[in-house]
C-alpha cells in the first residue's frame, strides 16, 4: 500500500526553507558590506554604485571587478585562517575558555 503524501505540509516546509535562505542571503550581504568597508559610504552612493555594476555590460570591466573580488575573498580567508591558527598555537583560547566536561 502506498504512503499518502501530505502536500500541504511539504509546501509549507519548502516555503519555510525558502524564507530561511532569503534571510541568510540578506544577512550575508550585510556582512559583505561591512567586510569591504562599504558601510562607511552614504546609502545613496552605495546604491548608485551597485546599480552601475548591474548595468555594466563591458566584459573587461566586469572581469576586472570579478578578479578584484576573488582576491579580496582569498586575502580575507587567509587572514582568518592565520588568526585561528595563531590562537590555537599560542594557547590563549584554551587558557581563557572553560574546561570541557
N, C-alpha and C. Protein backbone atom coordinates (compact mmCIF):
# COMPACT_ATOMS: atom_id res chain seq x y z
N UNK A 1 0.84 -1.17 0.00
CA UNK A 1 0.00 0.00 0.00
C UNK A 1 0.89 1.25 0.00
N UNK A 2 0.52 2.22 -0.78
CA UNK A 2 1.31 3.44 -0.91
C UNK A 2 1.06 4.39 0.24
N UNK A 3 2.14 5.06 0.60
CA UNK A 3 2.04 6.06 1.66
C UNK A 3 1.42 7.34 1.08
N UNK A 4 0.48 7.90 1.80
CA UNK A 4 -0.19 9.12 1.37
C UNK A 4 0.72 10.31 1.69
N UNK A 5 0.92 11.17 0.69
CA UNK A 5 1.78 12.34 0.88
C UNK A 5 0.94 13.53 1.33
N UNK A 6 1.49 14.25 2.26
CA UNK A 6 0.84 15.47 2.74
C UNK A 6 1.45 16.66 1.99
N UNK A 7 0.82 17.01 0.88
CA UNK A 7 1.35 18.07 0.03
C UNK A 7 1.37 19.42 0.73
N UNK A 8 0.38 19.68 1.55
CA UNK A 8 0.34 20.96 2.27
C UNK A 8 1.54 21.09 3.20
N UNK A 9 1.86 20.03 3.92
CA UNK A 9 3.00 20.06 4.83
C UNK A 9 4.31 20.22 4.05
N UNK A 10 4.41 19.53 2.92
CA UNK A 10 5.62 19.65 2.10
C UNK A 10 5.77 21.05 1.54
N UNK A 11 4.68 21.65 1.08
CA UNK A 11 4.73 23.01 0.57
C UNK A 11 5.09 24.01 1.66
N UNK A 12 4.55 23.80 2.85
CA UNK A 12 4.88 24.67 3.98
C UNK A 12 6.36 24.55 4.33
N UNK A 13 6.88 23.33 4.34
CA UNK A 13 8.30 23.12 4.65
C UNK A 13 9.18 23.78 3.59
N UNK A 14 8.81 23.66 2.33
CA UNK A 14 9.57 24.32 1.26
C UNK A 14 9.51 25.84 1.39
N UNK A 15 8.35 26.36 1.73
CA UNK A 15 8.22 27.80 1.93
C UNK A 15 9.06 28.30 3.09
N UNK A 16 9.07 27.53 4.18
CA UNK A 16 9.90 27.90 5.34
C UNK A 16 11.37 27.89 4.97
N UNK A 17 11.79 26.88 4.21
CA UNK A 17 13.19 26.77 3.79
C UNK A 17 13.57 27.94 2.89
N UNK A 18 12.68 28.31 1.97
CA UNK A 18 12.95 29.44 1.08
C UNK A 18 13.08 30.74 1.87
N UNK A 19 12.24 30.90 2.89
CA UNK A 19 12.31 32.10 3.73
C UNK A 19 13.64 32.14 4.48
N UNK A 20 14.08 31.00 5.02
CA UNK A 20 15.36 30.93 5.72
C UNK A 20 16.52 31.30 4.78
N UNK A 21 16.46 30.82 3.55
CA UNK A 21 17.50 31.13 2.58
C UNK A 21 17.53 32.61 2.24
N UNK A 22 16.36 33.24 2.11
CA UNK A 22 16.31 34.68 1.83
C UNK A 22 16.89 35.47 2.99
N UNK A 23 16.56 35.09 4.21
CA UNK A 23 17.08 35.78 5.39
C UNK A 23 18.59 35.64 5.46
N UNK A 24 19.09 34.43 5.19
CA UNK A 24 20.54 34.20 5.23
C UNK A 24 21.25 35.00 4.14
N UNK A 25 20.64 35.10 2.97
CA UNK A 25 21.23 35.87 1.87
C UNK A 25 21.34 37.34 2.25
N UNK A 26 20.30 37.89 2.84
CA UNK A 26 20.31 39.29 3.26
C UNK A 26 21.37 39.51 4.33
N UNK A 27 21.48 38.59 5.27
CA UNK A 27 22.48 38.70 6.33
C UNK A 27 23.89 38.66 5.73
N UNK A 28 24.12 37.78 4.77
CA UNK A 28 25.43 37.68 4.15
C UNK A 28 25.77 38.93 3.35
N UNK A 29 24.78 39.55 2.70
CA UNK A 29 25.03 40.81 2.00
C UNK A 29 25.45 41.89 3.00
N UNK A 30 24.80 41.95 4.14
CA UNK A 30 25.17 42.91 5.16
C UNK A 30 26.58 42.69 5.67
N UNK A 31 26.94 41.42 5.88
CA UNK A 31 28.29 41.10 6.33
C UNK A 31 29.32 41.46 5.27
N UNK A 32 28.98 41.26 4.01
CA UNK A 32 29.88 41.62 2.91
C UNK A 32 30.10 43.13 2.85
N UNK A 33 29.03 43.88 3.03
CA UNK A 33 29.14 45.34 3.02
C UNK A 33 30.05 45.80 4.16
N UNK A 34 29.91 45.21 5.33
CA UNK A 34 30.77 45.57 6.46
C UNK A 34 32.22 45.16 6.21
N UNK A 35 32.43 43.95 5.69
CA UNK A 35 33.78 43.43 5.49
C UNK A 35 34.56 44.25 4.47
N UNK A 36 33.88 44.78 3.46
CA UNK A 36 34.55 45.57 2.43
C UNK A 36 34.73 47.03 2.84
N UNK A 37 34.10 47.44 3.92
CA UNK A 37 34.18 48.82 4.34
C UNK A 37 33.16 49.71 3.67
N UNK A 38 32.26 49.11 2.90
CA UNK A 38 31.25 49.89 2.18
C UNK A 38 30.19 50.45 3.12
N UNK A 39 30.17 49.99 4.37
CA UNK A 39 29.20 50.53 5.32
C UNK A 39 29.51 51.98 5.68
N UNK A 40 30.72 52.44 5.35
CA UNK A 40 31.09 53.83 5.61
C UNK A 40 30.55 54.77 4.53
N UNK A 41 30.09 54.21 3.41
CA UNK A 41 29.55 55.02 2.32
C UNK A 41 28.13 55.47 2.63
N UNK A 42 27.76 56.58 2.01
CA UNK A 42 26.37 57.03 2.10
C UNK A 42 25.49 56.01 1.37
N UNK A 43 24.30 55.75 1.87
CA UNK A 43 23.42 54.78 1.20
C UNK A 43 23.14 55.11 -0.27
N UNK A 44 22.98 56.41 -0.59
CA UNK A 44 22.74 56.79 -1.98
C UNK A 44 23.92 56.44 -2.87
N UNK A 45 25.13 56.66 -2.37
CA UNK A 45 26.33 56.35 -3.14
C UNK A 45 26.47 54.84 -3.34
N UNK A 46 26.24 54.09 -2.29
CA UNK A 46 26.32 52.63 -2.39
C UNK A 46 25.28 52.09 -3.37
N UNK A 47 24.07 52.59 -3.28
CA UNK A 47 23.01 52.15 -4.20
C UNK A 47 23.37 52.51 -5.64
N UNK A 48 23.90 53.70 -5.86
CA UNK A 48 24.31 54.11 -7.20
C UNK A 48 25.43 53.24 -7.75
N UNK A 49 26.40 52.91 -6.91
CA UNK A 49 27.50 52.05 -7.35
C UNK A 49 27.00 50.66 -7.70
N UNK A 50 26.09 50.13 -6.90
CA UNK A 50 25.54 48.80 -7.19
C UNK A 50 24.72 48.82 -8.47
N UNK A 51 23.93 49.86 -8.67
CA UNK A 51 23.15 49.97 -9.91
C UNK A 51 24.06 50.08 -11.13
N UNK A 52 25.16 50.82 -11.00
CA UNK A 52 26.11 50.93 -12.11
C UNK A 52 26.76 49.58 -12.39
N UNK A 53 27.05 48.82 -11.35
CA UNK A 53 27.64 47.50 -11.54
C UNK A 53 26.67 46.56 -12.24
N UNK A 54 25.41 46.64 -11.88
CA UNK A 54 24.39 45.79 -12.52
C UNK A 54 24.22 46.18 -13.99
N UNK A 55 24.29 47.48 -14.29
CA UNK A 55 24.08 47.96 -15.65
C UNK A 55 25.31 47.80 -16.54
N UNK A 56 26.46 47.55 -15.95
CA UNK A 56 27.71 47.45 -16.71
C UNK A 56 27.66 46.27 -17.67
N UNK A 57 27.93 46.53 -18.94
CA UNK A 57 27.86 45.49 -19.96
C UNK A 57 29.25 45.12 -20.51
N UNK A 58 30.25 45.97 -20.27
CA UNK A 58 31.58 45.73 -20.83
C UNK A 58 32.26 44.58 -20.08
N UNK A 59 32.65 43.57 -20.82
CA UNK A 59 33.21 42.36 -20.23
C UNK A 59 34.53 42.58 -19.52
N UNK A 60 35.37 43.46 -20.05
CA UNK A 60 36.68 43.67 -19.41
C UNK A 60 36.52 44.31 -18.04
N UNK A 61 35.58 45.21 -17.92
CA UNK A 61 35.34 45.87 -16.63
C UNK A 61 34.83 44.87 -15.61
N UNK A 62 33.84 44.08 -15.99
CA UNK A 62 33.28 43.12 -15.04
C UNK A 62 34.29 42.03 -14.69
N UNK A 63 35.15 41.65 -15.64
CA UNK A 63 36.19 40.66 -15.35
C UNK A 63 37.19 41.22 -14.34
N UNK A 64 37.54 42.49 -14.48
CA UNK A 64 38.46 43.12 -13.54
C UNK A 64 37.83 43.18 -12.15
N UNK A 65 36.54 43.52 -12.08
CA UNK A 65 35.85 43.56 -10.78
C UNK A 65 35.79 42.17 -10.17
N UNK A 66 35.53 41.16 -11.00
CA UNK A 66 35.45 39.79 -10.51
C UNK A 66 36.80 39.35 -9.95
N UNK A 67 37.87 39.66 -10.66
CA UNK A 67 39.21 39.29 -10.18
C UNK A 67 39.53 39.99 -8.86
N UNK A 68 39.16 41.25 -8.77
CA UNK A 68 39.42 42.00 -7.53
C UNK A 68 38.60 41.44 -6.36
N UNK A 69 37.37 41.06 -6.63
CA UNK A 69 36.54 40.46 -5.59
C UNK A 69 37.07 39.11 -5.15
N UNK A 70 37.51 38.29 -6.10
CA UNK A 70 38.08 36.99 -5.76
C UNK A 70 39.34 37.16 -4.92
N UNK A 71 40.16 38.15 -5.27
CA UNK A 71 41.37 38.42 -4.49
C UNK A 71 41.00 38.84 -3.07
N UNK A 72 39.98 39.66 -2.92
CA UNK A 72 39.52 40.09 -1.60
C UNK A 72 39.14 38.88 -0.75
N UNK A 73 38.38 37.95 -1.33
CA UNK A 73 37.95 36.78 -0.57
C UNK A 73 39.12 35.87 -0.23
N UNK A 74 40.09 35.73 -1.14
CA UNK A 74 41.27 34.92 -0.83
C UNK A 74 42.05 35.53 0.32
N UNK A 75 42.26 36.84 0.29
CA UNK A 75 43.01 37.51 1.35
C UNK A 75 42.26 37.44 2.67
N UNK A 76 40.97 37.63 2.64
CA UNK A 76 40.16 37.55 3.86
C UNK A 76 40.21 36.15 4.44
N UNK A 77 40.13 35.14 3.59
CA UNK A 77 40.18 33.75 4.03
C UNK A 77 41.54 33.45 4.64
N UNK A 78 42.60 33.93 4.01
CA UNK A 78 43.94 33.70 4.52
C UNK A 78 44.14 34.35 5.88
N UNK A 79 43.65 35.58 6.04
CA UNK A 79 43.79 36.29 7.32
C UNK A 79 43.04 35.57 8.43
N UNK A 80 41.83 35.12 8.14
CA UNK A 80 41.04 34.46 9.19
C UNK A 80 41.65 33.12 9.56
N UNK A 81 42.23 32.39 8.60
CA UNK A 81 42.84 31.11 8.95
C UNK A 81 44.12 31.33 9.74
N UNK A 82 44.87 32.39 9.45
CA UNK A 82 46.07 32.71 10.24
C UNK A 82 45.68 33.05 11.67
N UNK A 83 44.61 33.84 11.83
CA UNK A 83 44.16 34.19 13.18
C UNK A 83 43.76 32.96 13.96
N UNK A 84 43.05 32.06 13.34
CA UNK A 84 42.61 30.84 14.02
C UNK A 84 43.80 29.99 14.41
N UNK A 85 44.78 29.87 13.51
CA UNK A 85 45.99 29.09 13.83
C UNK A 85 46.77 29.74 14.95
N UNK A 86 46.91 31.06 14.92
CA UNK A 86 47.66 31.77 15.94
C UNK A 86 47.05 31.62 17.31
N UNK A 87 45.75 31.64 17.40
CA UNK A 87 45.07 31.48 18.69
C UNK A 87 45.26 30.07 19.21
N UNK A 88 45.11 29.07 18.36
CA UNK A 88 45.22 27.70 18.84
C UNK A 88 46.66 27.36 19.18
N UNK A 89 47.66 27.89 18.44
CA UNK A 89 49.05 27.59 18.73
C UNK A 89 49.52 28.29 20.00
N UNK A 90 49.04 29.50 20.25
CA UNK A 90 49.50 30.23 21.42
C UNK A 90 48.84 29.75 22.70
N UNK A 91 47.71 29.07 22.58
CA UNK A 91 47.02 28.54 23.74
C UNK A 91 46.13 29.54 24.43
N UNK A 92 45.96 30.71 23.87
CA UNK A 92 45.14 31.73 24.51
C UNK A 92 43.69 31.30 24.63
N UNK A 93 43.17 30.68 23.60
CA UNK A 93 41.76 30.26 23.63
C UNK A 93 41.54 29.17 24.66
N UNK A 94 42.47 28.24 24.78
CA UNK A 94 42.32 27.15 25.73
C UNK A 94 42.45 27.65 27.16
N UNK A 95 43.36 28.59 27.40
CA UNK A 95 43.57 29.09 28.75
C UNK A 95 42.40 29.97 29.20
N UNK A 96 41.81 30.72 28.29
CA UNK A 96 40.74 31.63 28.65
C UNK A 96 39.38 30.98 28.71
N UNK A 97 39.23 29.85 28.05
CA UNK A 97 37.92 29.20 27.99
C UNK A 97 37.67 28.29 29.16
N UNK A 98 36.46 27.81 29.26
CA UNK A 98 36.09 26.89 30.33
C UNK A 98 36.62 25.50 30.01
N UNK A 99 36.86 24.73 31.02
CA UNK A 99 37.33 23.37 30.86
C UNK A 99 36.21 22.50 30.33
N UNK A 100 36.49 21.65 29.33
CA UNK A 100 35.44 20.76 28.83
C UNK A 100 35.04 19.73 29.87
N UNK A 101 33.78 19.32 29.85
CA UNK A 101 33.28 18.37 30.83
C UNK A 101 33.60 16.96 30.47
